[in-house]
Amino acid sequence: MNDRLLDFAIRYGFLILLVGLIVYFSLAAPGFFGPLSAAFVLQSVAITGILALGVTCTLVVGGFDLSIGAVATSALMLSAYSMVILEHPTLVAVFLCLGMGALVGFINGILIVKFRVPDLLATLGMMFLLIGLQRIPTQGNSIATGMTLADGSVAEGTFSAAFLWLGRHRFDVVIDRLLPMPVVIFVAIAVLIWLFLGFTRHGRLMYAIGSNERAAALVGTPVNRYKIAAYMISGVTASIGGILLAARLGRGDIASGNNLLLDSVAAALIGFAVLGAARPNAFGTAIGALFVGILLQGMTMMNAPYYTQDFVKGAVLVAALVFTFYLSSRRTGAGH
């Protein structure tokens, strides 16, 4: 009986906690359980979740990407620079950002697999490099139409309507025109990565690398290629998040991505606890992002001080991981 309760707690405990959180905020914060609040939650979840899905791919191969927040803000600044200062069309700006994300991921992968730099150090170094690099062209200023450039000229370019559509369009279906375009993109990416990791040979090989890299290499798996690919996926998804953030804001705000890294990492790690997976997975990451969004929205509507939010997120993350791995170890011990 105890084993059955333990299995139930491991598998469904986090989902029960999520439902309990929704019920609590619905009772404690008037208006929380409504379409407008749901739209805010989904909007905040989308960009964080897209970045978290990229982190998940690196976790699957036994790595970790700390540069995702910097890649996202670099994509935000690059898209703004491309359209406002260089006056490029939407497609050029988007492809520049995606190419930048892929290049950063490739460099991260090369540093890790060829130069044997530990993943945390390689991506941390890349994070600092990008934070500095994105500020150089505008001397640390945000980018907006009409700004004065270093040479004294005025930036006359604007964000095109097509670009802004990516971040601001809301569909007529589901909760009365309150389904934002970024949420649709997030769901599409989540489904693609879920199918790729769970139902393709490449995904299974990536999990094999994360479980035992040496054994995977001995059976002929091109470990280095898959690791580089994982970091490139992470870079591209982070750049997509940056594009959507720029399209939502309509300007290149240098400070707008400050919390992206922490929230995305929290979502990816909380995903370990969903359905007792105890490993990185796309479905768990999506639920983890939803959990973080609901938590922050509920605290905001209850007028909780902003400085308590990171503490609460950290406490929930630690509790979820301890819950998952401690109970899983107990189940394994009981099995023996």
Protein backbone atom coordinates (compact mmCIF):
# COMPACT_ATOMS: atom_id res chain seq x y z
CA MET A 1 0.00 0.00 0.00
CA ASN A 2 2.84 2.36 0.90
CA ASP A 3 4.54 1.65 -2.41
CA ARG A 4 1.35 2.48 -4.30
CA LEU A 5 0.99 5.76 -2.41
CA LEU A 6 4.63 6.57 -3.09
CA ASP A 7 4.21 5.90 -6.81
CA PHE A 8 1.07 8.03 -6.88
CA ALA A 9 2.82 10.90 -5.07
CA ILE A 10 5.79 10.79 -7.45
CA ARG A 11 3.64 10.66 -10.56
CA TYR A 12 0.85 13.07 -9.73
CA GLY A 13 2.05 15.10 -6.75
CA PHE A 14 3.26 18.07 -8.76
CA LEU A 15 0.11 18.24 -10.90
CA ILE A 16 -1.98 18.18 -7.71
CA LEU A 17 0.17 21.03 -6.40
CA LEU A 18 -0.44 22.98 -9.63
CA VAL A 19 -4.21 22.53 -9.36
CA GLY A 20 -4.07 23.50 -5.68
CA LEU A 21 -2.16 26.66 -6.57
CA ILE A 22 -4.81 27.64 -9.13
CA VAL A 23 -7.61 27.03 -6.62
CA TYR A 24 -5.80 29.02 -3.91
CA PHE A 25 -5.15 32.06 -6.12
CA SER A 26 -8.70 31.89 -7.49
CA LEU A 27 -10.06 32.22 -3.95
CA ALA A 28 -7.45 34.65 -2.60
CA ALA A 29 -7.14 36.99 -5.61
CA PRO A 30 -10.43 38.19 -7.15
CA GLY A 31 -10.26 38.04 -10.93
CA PHE A 32 -7.44 35.50 -11.07
CA PHE A 33 -9.66 32.79 -12.51
CA GLY A 34 -10.76 34.71 -15.58
CA PRO A 35 -9.93 35.12 -19.29
CA LEU A 36 -7.93 38.32 -18.88
CA SER A 37 -5.73 36.83 -16.16
CA ALA A 38 -5.32 33.66 -18.21
CA ALA A 39 -4.15 35.76 -21.17
CA PHE A 40 -1.52 37.47 -19.00
CA VAL A 41 -0.31 34.10 -17.69
CA LEU A 42 -0.09 32.60 -21.18
CA GLN A 43 1.67 35.69 -22.52
CA SER A 44 4.30 35.53 -19.78
CA VAL A 45 4.66 31.76 -20.09
CA ALA A 46 5.23 31.74 -23.84
CA ILE A 47 8.65 33.40 -24.07
CA THR A 48 9.95 31.80 -20.87
CA GLY A 49 8.72 28.41 -22.04
CA ILE A 50 10.37 28.69 -25.46
CA LEU A 51 13.73 29.40 -23.82
CA ALA A 52 13.17 26.59 -21.31
CA LEU A 53 12.54 24.10 -24.11
CA GLY A 54 15.96 24.95 -25.53
CA VAL A 55 17.57 24.40 -22.13
CA THR A 56 15.76 21.06 -21.96
CA CYS A 57 17.54 19.88 -25.11
CA THR A 58 20.94 20.63 -23.56
CA LEU A 59 19.93 18.91 -20.31
CA VAL A 60 18.95 15.83 -22.29
CA VAL A 61 22.54 15.40 -23.55
CA GLY A 62 23.95 15.99 -20.08
CA GLY A 63 24.78 19.67 -20.60
CA PHE A 64 23.45 23.03 -19.51
CA ASP A 65 23.09 26.38 -21.27
CA LEU A 66 23.46 29.53 -19.18
CA SER A 67 23.63 31.80 -22.22
CA ILE A 68 19.96 31.60 -23.23
CA GLY A 69 18.91 34.85 -21.55
CA ALA A 70 21.78 36.72 -23.18
CA VAL A 71 20.98 35.17 -26.58
CA ALA A 72 17.35 36.26 -26.23
CA THR A 73 18.25 39.86 -25.35
CA SER A 74 20.85 39.88 -28.14
CA ALA A 75 18.15 38.80 -30.60
CA LEU A 76 15.88 41.53 -29.23
CA MET A 77 18.59 44.18 -29.73
CA LEU A 78 19.69 42.78 -33.11
CA SER A 79 16.16 42.81 -34.49
CA ALA A 80 15.69 46.38 -33.26
CA TYR A 81 19.06 47.48 -34.70
CA SER A 82 18.29 45.77 -38.00
CA MET A 83 14.86 47.36 -38.45
CA VAL A 84 15.19 50.75 -36.73
CA ILE A 85 18.77 51.70 -37.62
CA LEU A 86 19.58 49.65 -40.73
CA GLU A 87 15.95 49.73 -41.94
CA HIS A 88 15.87 46.07 -42.96
CA PRO A 89 12.57 44.32 -43.78
CA THR A 90 11.00 41.84 -41.38
CA LEU A 91 12.39 38.67 -42.99
CA VAL A 92 15.96 39.95 -42.94
CA ALA A 93 15.70 40.90 -39.24
CA VAL A 94 14.18 37.53 -38.31
CA PHE A 95 16.76 35.49 -40.23
CA LEU A 96 19.62 37.55 -38.80
CA CYS A 97 18.39 36.73 -35.28
CA LEU A 98 17.89 33.04 -36.00
CA GLY A 99 21.33 32.85 -37.61
CA MET A 100 22.87 34.59 -34.61
CA GLY A 101 21.23 32.10 -32.24
CA ALA A 102 22.41 29.12 -34.27
CA LEU A 103 25.95 30.54 -34.45
CA VAL A 104 26.11 31.14 -30.69
CA GLY A 105 24.85 27.59 -30.07
CA PHE A 106 27.44 26.21 -32.50
CA ILE A 107 30.26 28.10 -30.78
CA ASN A 108 29.04 26.89 -27.38
CA GLY A 109 29.02 23.33 -28.67
CA ILE A 110 32.52 23.62 -30.17
CA LEU A 111 33.91 25.05 -26.94
CA ILE A 112 32.40 22.15 -25.00
CA VAL A 113 33.14 19.16 -27.25
CA LYS A 114 36.35 20.24 -29.02
CA PHE A 115 38.08 22.45 -26.45
CA ARG A 116 36.76 20.48 -23.45
CA VAL A 117 35.54 23.60 -21.66
CA PRO A 118 32.93 22.58 -19.03
CA ASP A 119 29.45 23.47 -20.24
CA LEU A 120 28.67 25.80 -17.34
CA LEU A 121 31.89 27.76 -17.86
CA ALA A 122 31.57 27.90 -21.66
CA THR A 123 27.99 29.16 -21.63
CA LEU A 124 28.65 31.49 -18.70
CA GLY A 125 31.51 33.06 -20.64
CA MET A 126 29.29 33.35 -23.71
CA MET A 127 26.62 35.00 -21.58
CA PHE A 128 29.00 37.73 -20.43
CA LEU A 129 30.38 38.16 -23.94
CA LEU A 130 26.90 38.67 -25.41
CA ILE A 131 25.79 41.01 -22.62
CA GLY A 132 28.74 43.24 -23.44
CA LEU A 133 28.53 42.86 -27.21
CA GLN A 134 24.86 43.81 -27.49
CA ARG A 135 25.52 47.14 -25.77
CA ILE A 136 28.45 48.27 -27.93
CA PRO A 137 26.61 49.42 -31.11
CA THR A 138 24.30 51.77 -29.19
CA GLN A 139 26.71 52.59 -26.34
CA GLY A 140 24.43 50.88 -23.84
CA ASN A 141 21.23 52.64 -24.91
CA SER A 142 17.92 51.07 -25.83
CA ILE A 143 16.85 51.27 -29.47
CA ALA A 144 13.73 53.18 -30.57
CA THR A 145 12.58 55.13 -33.60
CA GLY A 146 13.82 58.72 -33.47
CA MET A 147 16.79 58.02 -31.21
CA THR A 148 19.97 60.01 -31.81
CA LEU A 149 22.88 57.85 -32.96
CA ALA A 150 26.56 58.23 -32.08
CA ASP A 151 27.26 60.13 -35.33
CA GLY A 152 24.51 62.64 -34.59
CA SER A 153 22.01 61.24 -37.10
CA VAL A 154 18.49 60.17 -36.18
CA ALA A 155 17.23 56.59 -36.51
CA GLU A 156 14.26 56.78 -38.86
CA GLY A 157 13.46 53.08 -39.26
CA THR A 158 10.44 51.49 -37.59
CA PHE A 159 9.25 48.06 -36.58
CA SER A 160 7.11 46.79 -39.44
CA ALA A 161 3.51 45.77 -38.90
CA ALA A 162 4.41 42.21 -39.94
CA PHE A 163 7.10 42.02 -37.25
CA LEU A 164 4.86 43.46 -34.53
CA TRP A 165 2.18 40.95 -35.55
CA LEU A 166 4.41 38.16 -34.23
CA GLY A 167 4.28 39.54 -30.71
CA ARG A 168 0.93 41.33 -30.54
CA HIS A 169 -1.59 39.45 -32.67
CA ARG A 170 -4.41 37.72 -30.81
CA PHE A 171 -6.55 35.04 -32.39
CA ASP A 172 -10.34 35.03 -32.52
CA VAL A 173 -10.53 31.52 -31.08
CA VAL A 174 -10.27 30.52 -27.41
CA ILE A 175 -11.15 32.92 -24.60
CA ASP A 176 -12.56 35.71 -26.79
CA ARG A 177 -9.62 37.07 -28.82
CA LEU A 178 -7.25 36.54 -25.91
CA LEU A 179 -4.98 33.87 -27.41
CA PRO A 180 -1.68 35.67 -28.17
CA MET A 181 0.45 34.68 -31.15
CA PRO A 182 3.52 33.93 -28.96
CA VAL A 183 1.47 31.26 -27.16
CA VAL A 184 0.68 29.55 -30.47
CA ILE A 185 4.39 29.58 -31.35
CA PHE A 186 5.29 28.22 -27.89
CA VAL A 187 2.81 25.35 -28.19
CA ALA A 188 4.06 24.52 -31.70
CA ILE A 189 7.70 24.44 -30.55
CA ALA A 190 6.78 22.39 -27.46
CA VAL A 191 4.98 19.79 -29.58
CA LEU A 192 7.86 19.61 -32.07
CA ILE A 193 10.49 19.12 -29.36
CA TRP A 194 8.26 16.64 -27.50
CA LEU A 195 7.86 14.56 -30.67
CA PHE A 196 11.54 14.88 -31.55
CA LEU A 197 12.87 13.82 -28.15
CA GLY A 198 10.30 11.17 -27.37
CA PHE A 199 9.49 9.55 -30.70
CA THR A 200 12.52 9.79 -33.00
CA ARG A 201 15.77 7.87 -33.16
CA HIS A 202 17.71 11.11 -32.79
CA GLY A 203 15.87 12.00 -29.60
CA ARG A 204 16.49 8.56 -28.09
CA LEU A 205 20.19 8.85 -28.93
CA MET A 206 20.33 12.24 -27.22
CA TYR A 207 18.84 10.70 -24.07
CA ALA A 208 21.37 7.85 -24.35
CA ILE A 209 24.20 10.40 -24.48
CA GLY A 210 22.87 12.13 -21.38
CA SER A 211 22.54 8.82 -19.52
CA ASN A 212 25.94 7.37 -20.44
CA GLU A 213 28.02 9.28 -22.94
CA ARG A 214 30.81 6.72 -23.07
CA ALA A 215 28.45 3.82 -23.74
CA ALA A 216 26.68 5.81 -26.45
CA ALA A 217 30.02 6.55 -28.12
CA LEU A 218 31.07 2.88 -27.98
CA VAL A 219 28.03 1.82 -30.02
CA GLY A 220 28.86 4.35 -32.73
CA THR A 221 26.74 7.36 -31.76
CA PRO A 222 28.27 10.64 -33.05
CA VAL A 223 28.19 12.15 -29.56
CA ASN A 224 29.89 15.44 -30.45
CA ARG A 225 27.48 16.17 -33.31
CA TYR A 226 24.44 15.59 -31.14
CA LYS A 227 25.84 17.77 -28.38
CA ILE A 228 26.54 20.61 -30.80
CA ALA A 229 23.06 20.18 -32.29
CA ALA A 230 21.51 20.43 -28.81
CA TYR A 231 23.24 23.75 -28.15
CA MET A 232 22.26 25.04 -31.58
CA ILE A 233 18.62 24.17 -30.86
CA SER A 234 18.96 26.04 -27.56
CA GLY A 235 20.43 29.07 -29.32
CA VAL A 236 17.72 29.16 -31.99
CA THR A 237 14.86 28.81 -29.50
CA ALA A 238 16.38 31.57 -27.35
CA SER A 239 16.58 33.85 -30.39
CA ILE A 240 12.93 33.09 -31.17
CA GLY A 241 12.07 34.18 -27.64
CA GLY A 242 14.02 37.41 -28.18
CA ILE A 243 12.25 38.08 -31.47
CA LEU A 244 8.84 37.65 -29.83
CA LEU A 245 9.83 39.91 -26.94
CA ALA A 246 10.98 42.62 -29.35
CA ALA A 247 7.77 42.28 -31.35
CA ARG A 248 5.71 42.62 -28.19
CA LEU A 249 7.58 45.66 -26.87
CA GLY A 250 8.11 47.44 -30.19
CA ARG A 251 11.56 48.64 -29.14
CA GLY A 252 15.00 47.34 -28.27
CA ASP A 253 14.85 47.57 -24.48
CA ILE A 254 18.29 46.73 -23.14
CA ALA A 255 16.98 45.60 -19.73
CA SER A 256 13.82 43.72 -20.73
CA GLY A 257 15.32 40.23 -20.59
CA ASN A 258 16.83 40.37 -17.12
CA ASN A 259 14.70 37.57 -15.61
CA LEU A 260 14.53 35.29 -18.66
CA LEU A 261 17.42 33.05 -17.63
CA LEU A 262 16.23 32.36 -14.08
CA ASP A 263 12.59 31.80 -15.04
CA SER A 264 13.51 29.53 -17.96
CA VAL A 265 15.93 27.43 -15.95
CA ALA A 266 13.33 27.12 -13.19
CA ALA A 267 10.72 25.92 -15.70
CA ALA A 268 13.08 23.34 -17.21
CA LEU A 269 14.16 21.97 -13.82
CA ILE A 270 10.64 21.94 -12.37
CA GLY A 271 9.76 19.80 -15.39
CA PHE A 272 11.75 16.95 -13.79
CA ALA A 273 8.97 16.64 -11.20
CA VAL A 274 6.06 16.43 -13.66
CA LEU A 275 4.56 12.92 -13.87
CA GLY A 276 7.58 11.63 -11.96
CA ALA A 277 9.81 11.84 -15.02
CA ALA A 278 12.98 12.60 -13.01
CA ARG A 279 14.64 13.60 -16.27
CA PRO A 280 14.45 16.53 -18.72
CA ASN A 281 11.40 16.35 -20.99
CA ALA A 282 9.44 18.80 -23.15
CA PHE A 283 6.02 18.15 -21.59
CA GLY A 284 7.34 18.67 -18.09
CA THR A 285 9.12 21.86 -19.16
CA ALA A 286 5.90 23.28 -20.63
CA ILE A 287 4.03 22.49 -17.40
CA GLY A 288 6.91 23.97 -15.40
CA ALA A 289 6.68 27.21 -17.40
CA LEU A 290 2.92 27.30 -16.80
CA PHE A 291 3.52 26.77 -13.09
CA VAL A 292 6.00 29.66 -12.92
CA GLY A 293 3.59 31.91 -14.85
CA ILE A 294 0.65 31.08 -12.57
CA LEU A 295 2.80 31.59 -9.48
CA LEU A 296 4.02 35.03 -10.57
CA GLN A 297 0.60 36.17 -11.80
CA GLY A 298 -1.06 35.08 -8.56
CA MET A 299 1.55 36.80 -6.41
CA THR A 300 1.24 39.97 -8.50
CA MET A 301 -2.55 40.02 -8.14
CA MET A 302 -2.20 39.53 -4.38
CA ASN A 303 0.14 42.55 -4.29
CA ALA A 304 3.08 40.52 -3.02
CA PRO A 305 6.28 42.61 -2.94
CA TYR A 306 8.32 42.16 -6.12
CA TYR A 307 11.44 41.25 -4.12
CA THR A 308 9.76 38.14 -2.73
CA GLN A 309 9.10 36.58 -6.13
CA ASP A 310 12.59 35.18 -6.73
CA PHE A 311 12.61 33.74 -3.19
CA VAL A 312 9.29 31.98 -3.76
CA LYS A 313 10.40 30.69 -7.18
CA GLY A 314 13.61 29.34 -5.66
CA ALA A 315 11.77 27.70 -2.79
CA VAL A 316 9.32 26.01 -5.15
CA LEU A 317 12.14 24.84 -7.41
CA VAL A 318 14.13 23.33 -4.52
CA ALA A 319 11.00 21.70 -3.10
CA ALA A 320 10.04 20.22 -6.48
CA LEU A 321 13.50 18.76 -7.07
CA VAL A 322 13.88 17.40 -3.55
CA PHE A 323 10.39 15.93 -3.78
CA THR A 324 11.16 14.27 -7.10
CA PHE A 325 14.60 12.84 -6.47
CA TYR A 326 14.15 11.98 -2.79
CA LEU A 327 10.93 10.06 -3.39
CA SER A 328 12.37 8.45 -6.53
CA SER A 329 15.40 7.26 -4.55
CA ARG A 330 13.09 5.84 -1.89
CA ARG A 331 11.12 3.99 -4.56
CA THR A 332 14.34 2.61 -6.04
CA GLY A 333 15.53 1.58 -2.60
CA ALA A 334 12.23 -0.14 -1.88
CA GLY A 335 12.47 -1.99 -5.18
CA HIS A 336 15.79 -3.46 -4.11
